[in-house]
Amino acid sequence: MKPAHIRVQELQKEVANLAELRDEAQSEMDSNMDEAIYYRKKASEAEARMYARQEEIDARLAEITELEEQQEVLVHAATA
């Protein structure tokens, strides 16, 4: 069995190493959180663009439908 002071020194080294690993993990976590926030924002912006484009598509489709209906009325009126 090792003397207590040697075991204390070993444990202190382990604590220092573990603290360094913890700090590295903290730094990695912070970096990943920053990236997550960035990409969440980018995804939200893309979603907003997607819905805006869909609204534009819907408006164009409604206009097409309206024009086709007007054209149909004119064709029926011309043939009647």
N, C-alpha and C. Protein backbone atom coordinates (compact mmCIF):
# COMPACT_ATOMS: atom_id res chain seq x y z
N MET A 1 0.84 -1.17 0.00
CA MET A 1 0.00 0.00 0.00
C MET A 1 0.89 1.25 0.00
N LYS A 2 0.49 2.23 -0.82
CA LYS A 2 1.27 3.45 -0.96
C LYS A 2 1.05 4.36 0.24
N PRO A 3 2.08 5.15 0.54
CA PRO A 3 1.89 6.15 1.60
C PRO A 3 0.80 7.14 1.19
N ALA A 4 0.15 7.67 2.16
CA ALA A 4 -0.98 8.56 1.92
C ALA A 4 -0.59 9.78 1.11
N HIS A 5 0.58 10.35 1.36
CA HIS A 5 0.96 11.57 0.64
C HIS A 5 1.18 11.30 -0.85
N ILE A 6 1.66 10.09 -1.19
CA ILE A 6 1.83 9.74 -2.61
C ILE A 6 0.46 9.56 -3.25
N ARG A 7 -0.44 8.92 -2.56
CA ARG A 7 -1.80 8.73 -3.10
C ARG A 7 -2.49 10.08 -3.29
N VAL A 8 -2.28 10.99 -2.36
CA VAL A 8 -2.85 12.34 -2.46
C VAL A 8 -2.31 13.02 -3.71
N GLN A 9 -1.00 12.91 -3.95
CA GLN A 9 -0.41 13.52 -5.14
C GLN A 9 -0.99 12.92 -6.42
N GLU A 10 -1.15 11.60 -6.46
CA GLU A 10 -1.74 10.93 -7.62
C GLU A 10 -3.17 11.43 -7.85
N LEU A 11 -3.93 11.51 -6.77
CA LEU A 11 -5.31 11.98 -6.88
C LEU A 11 -5.37 13.43 -7.34
N GLN A 12 -4.43 14.24 -6.87
CA GLN A 12 -4.39 15.64 -7.30
C GLN A 12 -4.10 15.74 -8.80
N LYS A 13 -3.21 14.88 -9.30
CA LYS A 13 -2.91 14.84 -10.73
C LYS A 13 -4.15 14.42 -11.52
N GLU A 14 -4.83 13.40 -11.01
CA GLU A 14 -6.06 12.94 -11.67
C GLU A 14 -7.11 14.05 -11.70
N VAL A 15 -7.24 14.75 -10.60
CA VAL A 15 -8.20 15.86 -10.53
C VAL A 15 -7.82 16.94 -11.55
N ALA A 16 -6.54 17.26 -11.65
CA ALA A 16 -6.10 18.26 -12.61
C ALA A 16 -6.39 17.81 -14.04
N ASN A 17 -6.11 16.54 -14.33
CA ASN A 17 -6.39 16.01 -15.67
C ASN A 17 -7.89 16.02 -15.96
N LEU A 18 -8.67 15.59 -15.00
CA LEU A 18 -10.12 15.57 -15.17
C LEU A 18 -10.67 17.00 -15.34
N ALA A 19 -10.11 17.93 -14.60
CA ALA A 19 -10.55 19.33 -14.72
C ALA A 19 -10.24 19.84 -16.12
N GLU A 20 -9.08 19.47 -16.66
CA GLU A 20 -8.72 19.88 -18.03
C GLU A 20 -9.69 19.26 -19.04
N LEU A 21 -9.99 17.98 -18.88
CA LEU A 21 -10.95 17.31 -19.77
C LEU A 21 -12.34 17.94 -19.65
N ARG A 22 -12.72 18.30 -18.43
CA ARG A 22 -14.00 18.96 -18.22
C ARG A 22 -14.05 20.30 -18.94
N ASP A 23 -12.96 21.07 -18.83
CA ASP A 23 -12.90 22.37 -19.50
C ASP A 23 -12.96 22.22 -21.01
N GLU A 24 -12.31 21.20 -21.55
CA GLU A 24 -12.38 20.93 -22.99
C GLU A 24 -13.81 20.59 -23.40
N ALA A 25 -14.46 19.76 -22.60
CA ALA A 25 -15.85 19.39 -22.89
C ALA A 25 -16.76 20.61 -22.81
N GLN A 26 -16.52 21.47 -21.83
CA GLN A 26 -17.31 22.70 -21.69
C GLN A 26 -17.13 23.58 -22.91
N SER A 27 -15.89 23.71 -23.36
CA SER A 27 -15.61 24.53 -24.54
C SER A 27 -16.30 23.95 -25.78
N GLU A 28 -16.23 22.63 -25.93
CA GLU A 28 -16.90 21.97 -27.06
C GLU A 28 -18.41 22.16 -26.98
N MET A 29 -18.96 22.02 -25.79
CA MET A 29 -20.39 22.21 -25.61
C MET A 29 -20.80 23.64 -25.97
N ASP A 30 -20.03 24.62 -25.49
CA ASP A 30 -20.33 26.02 -25.80
C ASP A 30 -20.30 26.26 -27.30
N SER A 31 -19.29 25.72 -27.95
CA SER A 31 -19.16 25.88 -29.41
C SER A 31 -20.35 25.24 -30.13
N ASN A 32 -20.71 24.04 -29.70
CA ASN A 32 -21.84 23.36 -30.32
C ASN A 32 -23.15 24.08 -30.06
N MET A 33 -23.29 24.67 -28.88
CA MET A 33 -24.50 25.43 -28.58
C MET A 33 -24.59 26.65 -29.48
N ASP A 34 -23.44 27.32 -29.68
CA ASP A 34 -23.42 28.48 -30.59
C ASP A 34 -23.83 28.06 -32.00
N GLU A 35 -23.30 26.92 -32.45
CA GLU A 35 -23.65 26.42 -33.78
C GLU A 35 -25.13 26.05 -33.84
N ALA A 36 -25.62 25.45 -32.77
CA ALA A 36 -27.04 25.05 -32.75
C ALA A 36 -27.93 26.29 -32.85
N ILE A 37 -27.57 27.33 -32.13
CA ILE A 37 -28.35 28.57 -32.19
C ILE A 37 -28.29 29.15 -33.59
N TYR A 38 -27.09 29.15 -34.19
CA TYR A 38 -26.92 29.67 -35.56
C TYR A 38 -27.79 28.90 -36.53
N TYR A 39 -27.71 27.56 -36.48
CA TYR A 39 -28.46 26.76 -37.44
C TYR A 39 -29.96 26.78 -37.17
N ARG A 40 -30.35 26.91 -35.91
CA ARG A 40 -31.77 27.04 -35.59
C ARG A 40 -32.30 28.33 -36.21
N LYS A 41 -31.51 29.41 -36.11
CA LYS A 41 -31.91 30.68 -36.71
C LYS A 41 -32.00 30.55 -38.22
N LYS A 42 -31.00 29.89 -38.83
CA LYS A 42 -31.00 29.70 -40.28
C LYS A 42 -32.22 28.87 -40.71
N ALA A 43 -32.54 27.85 -39.94
CA ALA A 43 -33.69 27.00 -40.26
C ALA A 43 -34.98 27.80 -40.15
N SER A 44 -35.08 28.65 -39.14
CA SER A 44 -36.27 29.48 -38.96
C SER A 44 -36.42 30.46 -40.13
N GLU A 45 -35.30 31.04 -40.56
CA GLU A 45 -35.35 31.95 -41.70
C GLU A 45 -35.76 31.21 -42.97
N ALA A 46 -35.23 30.02 -43.17
CA ALA A 46 -35.59 29.22 -44.34
C ALA A 46 -37.06 28.83 -44.30
N GLU A 47 -37.56 28.51 -43.12
CA GLU A 47 -38.98 28.17 -42.98
C GLU A 47 -39.85 29.37 -43.36
N ALA A 48 -39.47 30.55 -42.91
CA ALA A 48 -40.23 31.76 -43.25
C ALA A 48 -40.22 31.99 -44.76
N ARG A 49 -39.06 31.79 -45.39
CA ARG A 49 -39.00 31.94 -46.85
C ARG A 49 -39.87 30.90 -47.55
N MET A 50 -39.86 29.69 -47.04
CA MET A 50 -40.66 28.62 -47.62
C MET A 50 -42.15 28.98 -47.59
N TYR A 51 -42.63 29.46 -46.43
CA TYR A 51 -44.03 29.83 -46.32
C TYR A 51 -44.36 31.04 -47.20
N ALA A 52 -43.45 31.98 -47.29
CA ALA A 52 -43.67 33.15 -48.15
C ALA A 52 -43.77 32.71 -49.62
N ARG A 53 -42.91 31.80 -50.04
CA ARG A 53 -42.97 31.30 -51.43
C ARG A 53 -44.26 30.54 -51.67
N GLN A 54 -44.70 29.78 -50.66
CA GLN A 54 -45.95 29.04 -50.82
C GLN A 54 -47.12 30.00 -50.97
N GLU A 55 -47.09 31.09 -50.22
CA GLU A 55 -48.15 32.11 -50.36
C GLU A 55 -48.13 32.70 -51.76
N GLU A 56 -46.94 32.94 -52.30
CA GLU A 56 -46.83 33.46 -53.66
C GLU A 56 -47.37 32.44 -54.67
N ILE A 57 -47.03 31.18 -54.46
CA ILE A 57 -47.54 30.11 -55.34
C ILE A 57 -49.05 30.08 -55.28
N ASP A 58 -49.61 30.11 -54.08
CA ASP A 58 -51.06 30.07 -53.92
C ASP A 58 -51.73 31.26 -54.62
N ALA A 59 -51.12 32.44 -54.50
CA ALA A 59 -51.67 33.63 -55.15
C ALA A 59 -51.65 33.46 -56.67
N ARG A 60 -50.54 32.94 -57.20
CA ARG A 60 -50.45 32.73 -58.66
C ARG A 60 -51.47 31.70 -59.13
N LEU A 61 -51.62 30.62 -58.34
CA LEU A 61 -52.59 29.58 -58.71
C LEU A 61 -54.01 30.13 -58.68
N ALA A 62 -54.30 30.97 -57.70
CA ALA A 62 -55.63 31.59 -57.62
C ALA A 62 -55.85 32.49 -58.84
N GLU A 63 -54.82 33.23 -59.23
CA GLU A 63 -54.94 34.10 -60.41
C GLU A 63 -55.14 33.27 -61.68
N ILE A 64 -54.42 32.15 -61.78
CA ILE A 64 -54.60 31.27 -62.93
C ILE A 64 -56.02 30.75 -62.98
N THR A 65 -56.53 30.31 -61.84
CA THR A 65 -57.90 29.79 -61.77
C THR A 65 -58.89 30.87 -62.19
N GLU A 66 -58.70 32.07 -61.69
CA GLU A 66 -59.59 33.17 -62.02
C GLU A 66 -59.56 33.47 -63.51
N LEU A 67 -58.36 33.52 -64.09
CA LEU A 67 -58.24 33.80 -65.53
C LEU A 67 -58.85 32.68 -66.37
N GLU A 68 -58.66 31.45 -65.95
CA GLU A 68 -59.25 30.31 -66.67
C GLU A 68 -60.77 30.37 -66.61
N GLU A 69 -61.31 30.75 -65.44
CA GLU A 69 -62.76 30.87 -65.32
C GLU A 69 -63.29 31.99 -66.20
N GLN A 70 -62.58 33.12 -66.24
CA GLN A 70 -62.99 34.23 -67.11
C GLN A 70 -62.94 33.80 -68.58
N GLN A 71 -61.90 33.07 -68.94
CA GLN A 71 -61.74 32.60 -70.30
C GLN A 71 -62.88 31.65 -70.66
N GLU A 72 -63.26 30.79 -69.73
CA GLU A 72 -64.34 29.84 -69.94
C GLU A 72 -65.65 30.59 -70.16
N VAL A 73 -65.89 31.64 -69.36
CA VAL A 73 -67.11 32.44 -69.49
C VAL A 73 -67.13 33.09 -70.86
N LEU A 74 -66.00 33.62 -71.31
CA LEU A 74 -65.93 34.28 -72.61
C LEU A 74 -66.17 33.27 -73.75
N VAL A 75 -65.64 32.09 -73.63
CA VAL A 75 -65.82 31.06 -74.64
C VAL A 75 -67.28 30.66 -74.70
N HIS A 76 -67.93 30.49 -73.56
CA HIS A 76 -69.34 30.14 -73.52
C HIS A 76 -70.19 31.27 -74.08
N ALA A 77 -69.85 32.49 -73.78
CA ALA A 77 -70.59 33.64 -74.28
C ALA A 77 -70.42 33.75 -75.80
N ALA A 78 -69.25 33.47 -76.30
CA ALA A 78 -69.01 33.58 -77.74
C ALA A 78 -69.71 32.46 -78.51
N THR A 79 -69.86 31.32 -77.90
CA THR A 79 -70.51 30.19 -78.58
C THR A 79 -72.02 30.18 -78.39
N ALA A 80 -72.51 31.01 -77.48
CA ALA A 80 -73.96 31.01 -77.22
C ALA A 80 -74.71 31.89 -78.19
